[in-house]
C-alpha atoms as a PDB file:
ATOM      1  CA  MET A   1      74.495 208.464  -3.688  1.00  0.00           C
ATOM      2  CA  GLY A   2      78.194 207.034  -2.070  1.00  0.00           C
ATOM      3  CA  THR A   3      80.592 208.339   0.792  1.00  0.00           C
ATOM      4  CA  ILE A   4      83.110 210.479   0.130  1.00  0.00           C
ATOM      5  CA  THR A   5      86.265 209.593   2.762  1.00  0.00           C
ATOM      6  CA  ILE A   6      89.157 212.556   2.473  1.00  0.00           C
ATOM      7  CA  GLY A   7      91.379 209.874   4.320  1.00  0.00           C
ATOM      8  CA  GLY A   8      95.398 211.355   4.504  1.00  0.00           C
ATOM      9  CA  LEU A   9      94.740 213.186   0.721  1.00  0.00           C
ATOM     10  CA  ALA A  10      93.870 216.250   2.168  1.00  0.00           C
ATOM     11  CA  THR A  11      96.925 215.964   5.276  1.00  0.00           C
ATOM     12  CA  GLY A  12      99.516 213.881   3.770  1.00  0.00           C
ATOM     13  CA  LEU A  13      98.570 211.563   7.466  1.00  0.00           C
ATOM     14  CA  ASP A  14      97.144 208.075   7.483  1.00  0.00           C
ATOM     15  CA  THR A  15      94.687 208.606   9.274  1.00  0.00           C
ATOM     16  CA  ASP A  16      93.090 205.233   9.146  1.00  0.00           C
ATOM     17  CA  SER A  17      95.794 203.697  10.473  1.00  0.00           C
ATOM     18  CA  ILE A  18      95.817 206.282  13.163  1.00  0.00           C
ATOM     19  CA  VAL A  19      92.633 205.287  13.709  1.00  0.00           C
ATOM     20  CA  THR A  20      93.081 201.231  14.190  1.00  0.00           C
ATOM     21  CA  GLN A  21      95.776 202.464  15.967  1.00  0.00           C
ATOM     22  CA  LEU A  22      93.980 204.148  18.797  1.00  0.00           C
ATOM     23  CA  VAL A  23      91.502 201.661  17.677  1.00  0.00           C
ATOM     24  CA  GLY A  24      93.699 199.273  18.642  1.00  0.00           C
ATOM     25  CA  LEU A  25      95.279 200.769  21.944  1.00  0.00           C
ATOM     26  CA  GLU A  26      91.657 201.085  23.714  1.00  0.00           C
ATOM     27  CA  ARG A  27      90.934 197.834  23.558  1.00  0.00           C
ATOM     28  CA  GLN A  28      94.147 196.886  24.717  1.00  0.00           C
ATOM     29  CA  ARG A  29      93.558 199.069  27.504  1.00  0.00           C
ATOM     30  CA  GLY A  30      90.144 197.624  28.082  1.00  0.00           C
ATOM     31  CA  ILE A  31      91.483 194.246  28.880  1.00  0.00           C
ATOM     32  CA  GLY A  32      93.735 195.504  30.510  1.00  0.00           C
ATOM     33  CA  SER A  33      91.933 196.591  32.882  1.00  0.00           C
ATOM     34  CA  LEU A  34      89.823 193.744  33.500  1.00  0.00           C
ATOM     35  CA  GLN A  35      92.853 191.457  33.807  1.00  0.00           C
ATOM     36  CA  THR A  36      93.356 193.773  36.964  1.00  0.00           C
ATOM     37  CA  GLN A  37      90.223 193.376  38.538  1.00  0.00           C
ATOM     38  CA  LYS A  38      90.118 189.623  37.799  1.00  0.00           C
ATOM     39  CA  THR A  39      93.778 189.864  39.617  1.00  0.00           C
ATOM     40  CA  ASP A  40      92.368 192.188  42.655  1.00  0.00           C
ATOM     41  CA  ALA A  41      88.469 190.105  42.939  1.00  0.00           C
ATOM     42  CA  ASN A  42      91.740 186.666  43.035  1.00  0.00           C
ATOM     43  CA  THR A  43      93.303 188.484  45.714  1.00  0.00           C
ATOM     44  CA  ARG A  44      90.282 188.438  47.695  1.00  0.00           C
ATOM     45  CA  ARG A  45      88.784 185.591  47.315  1.00  0.00           C
ATOM     46  CA  ILE A  46      92.026 184.305  48.368  1.00  0.00           C
ATOM     47  CA  ALA A  47      92.571 186.897  51.456  1.00  0.00           C
ATOM     48  CA  LEU A  48      88.671 185.546  52.567  1.00  0.00           C
ATOM     49  CA  GLN A  49      89.000 182.670  52.223  1.00  0.00           C
ATOM     50  CA  THR A  50      92.037 182.661  54.688  1.00  0.00           C
ATOM     51  CA  PHE A  51      90.413 184.895  56.744  1.00  0.00           C
ATOM     52  CA  ASN A  52      87.280 182.456  57.251  1.00  0.00           C
ATOM     53  CA  GLY A  53      89.990 179.300  58.054  1.00  0.00           C
ATOM     54  CA  LYS A  54      91.357 181.412  61.117  1.00  0.00           C
ATOM     55  CA  VAL A  55      87.794 181.987  61.957  1.00  0.00           C
ATOM     56  CA  ALA A  56      87.044 179.045  61.823  1.00  0.00           C
ATOM     57  CA  ALA A  57      90.322 177.663  63.855  1.00  0.00           C
ATOM     58  CA  PHE A  58      89.145 180.135  66.386  1.00  0.00           C
ATOM     59  CA  LEU A  59      85.398 178.551  67.225  1.00  0.00           C
ATOM     60  CA  THR A  60      87.014 176.166  67.428  1.00  0.00           C
ATOM     61  CA  ALA A  61      88.852 176.922  70.189  1.00  0.00           C
ATOM     62  CA  ILE A  62      86.265 178.645  71.611  1.00  0.00           C
ATOM     63  CA  LYS A  63      84.381 174.851  71.797  1.00  0.00           C
ATOM     64  CA  LYS A  64      87.016 173.523  73.537  1.00  0.00           C
ATOM     65  CA  LEU A  65      86.695 177.043  76.357  1.00  0.00           C
ATOM     66  CA  LYS A  66      82.621 175.855  76.734  1.00  0.00           C
ATOM     67  CA  ASP A  67      83.849 172.978  78.816  1.00  0.00           C
ATOM     68  CA  PRO A  68      85.494 174.038  82.266  1.00  0.00           C
ATOM     69  CA  ASP A  69      87.202 170.135  82.810  1.00  0.00           C
ATOM     70  CA  ASP A  70      89.383 171.400  79.815  1.00  0.00           C
ATOM     71  CA  VAL A  71      90.461 174.789  80.523  1.00  0.00           C
ATOM     72  CA  LEU A  72      91.116 174.290  84.557  1.00  0.00           C
ATOM     73  CA  ILE A  73      94.261 172.297  85.765  1.00  0.00           C
ATOM     74  CA  ARG A  74      93.071 170.282  88.574  1.00  0.00           C
ATOM     75  CA  LYS A  75      95.822 169.569  91.954  1.00  0.00           C
ATOM     76  CA  ALA A  76      95.898 167.834  94.768  1.00  0.00           C
ATOM     77  CA  SER A  77      98.671 167.196  97.236  1.00  0.00           C
ATOM     78  CA  SER A  78      99.294 165.829 100.782  1.00  0.00           C
ATOM     79  CA  SER A  79     101.675 166.473 102.534  1.00  0.00           C
ATOM     80  CA  ASN A  80     102.625 162.436 103.323  1.00  0.00           C
ATOM     81  CA  GLU A  81     101.997 160.578 100.235  1.00  0.00           C
ATOM     82  CA  SER A  82     102.480 157.445 102.463  1.00  0.00           C
ATOM     83  CA  VAL A  83      99.683 157.870 105.349  1.00  0.00           C
ATOM     84  CA  LEU A  84      97.162 159.504 102.333  1.00  0.00           C
ATOM     85  CA  THR A  85      97.001 160.442  98.928  1.00  0.00           C
ATOM     86  CA  ALA A  86      94.716 162.651  96.946  1.00  0.00           C
ATOM     87  CA  LYS A  87      93.649 162.827  93.661  1.00  0.00           C
ATOM     88  CA  ALA A  88      91.471 166.042  92.130  1.00  0.00           C
ATOM     89  CA  ALA A  89      88.889 164.758  90.053  1.00  0.00           C
ATOM     90  CA  THR A  90      86.939 165.431  87.142  1.00  0.00           C
ATOM     91  CA  GLY A  91      84.165 168.169  88.554  1.00  0.00           C
ATOM     92  CA  ALA A  92      86.814 169.049  92.022  1.00  0.00           C
ATOM     93  CA  HIS A  93      86.498 172.343  93.233  1.00  0.00           C
ATOM     94  CA  SER A  94      88.745 174.378  94.432  1.00  0.00           C
ATOM     95  CA  GLY A  95      89.590 174.964  98.417  1.00  0.00           C
ATOM     96  CA  THR A  96      91.674 173.467 100.783  1.00  0.00           C
ATOM     97  CA  THR A  97      90.808 170.247 103.387  1.00  0.00           C
ATOM     98  CA  GLU A  98      93.017 168.977 105.599  1.00  0.00           C
ATOM     99  CA  VAL A  99      92.752 165.144 106.713  1.00  0.00           C
ATOM    100  CA  THR A 100      93.992 164.218 109.976  1.00  0.00           C
ATOM    101  CA  VAL A 101      95.181 161.224 110.646  1.00  0.00           C
ATOM    102  CA  PHE A 102      96.458 159.516 113.997  1.00  0.00           C
ATOM    103  CA  PRO A 103      98.930 156.761 114.452  1.00  0.00           C
ATOM    104  CA  ARG A 104      97.497 153.261 115.192  1.00  0.00           C
ATOM    105  CA  THR A 105      97.315 151.958 117.473  1.00  0.00           C
ATOM    106  CA  VAL A 106      99.246 148.276 118.255  1.00  0.00           C
ATOM    107  CA  ILE A 107      97.350 146.351 120.814  1.00  0.00           C
ATOM    108  CA  SER A 108      99.749 143.451 121.566  1.00  0.00           C
END
């Protein structure tokens, strides 16, 4: 048995063309949707890479804080540098130390 196609004969419309155009529009919409999804995925990927870079930089900065010698500022001073100098070295603890220097007696 053969296929009977009425098409536009009964209505006067070119139904084959209309169906072809509708199918084409659906395909374009599907492709557009996929392109939108691809663009969104790329945007999320770039955002994640940027976030990962910032987290890595943050962790590198945190590692520097583990060593107090890299963070603490040590300072030592003398009230009279011509008599006594002072230096705060690594491992120095905070506090005050008083040193009294007596004048040197010269016997002739």
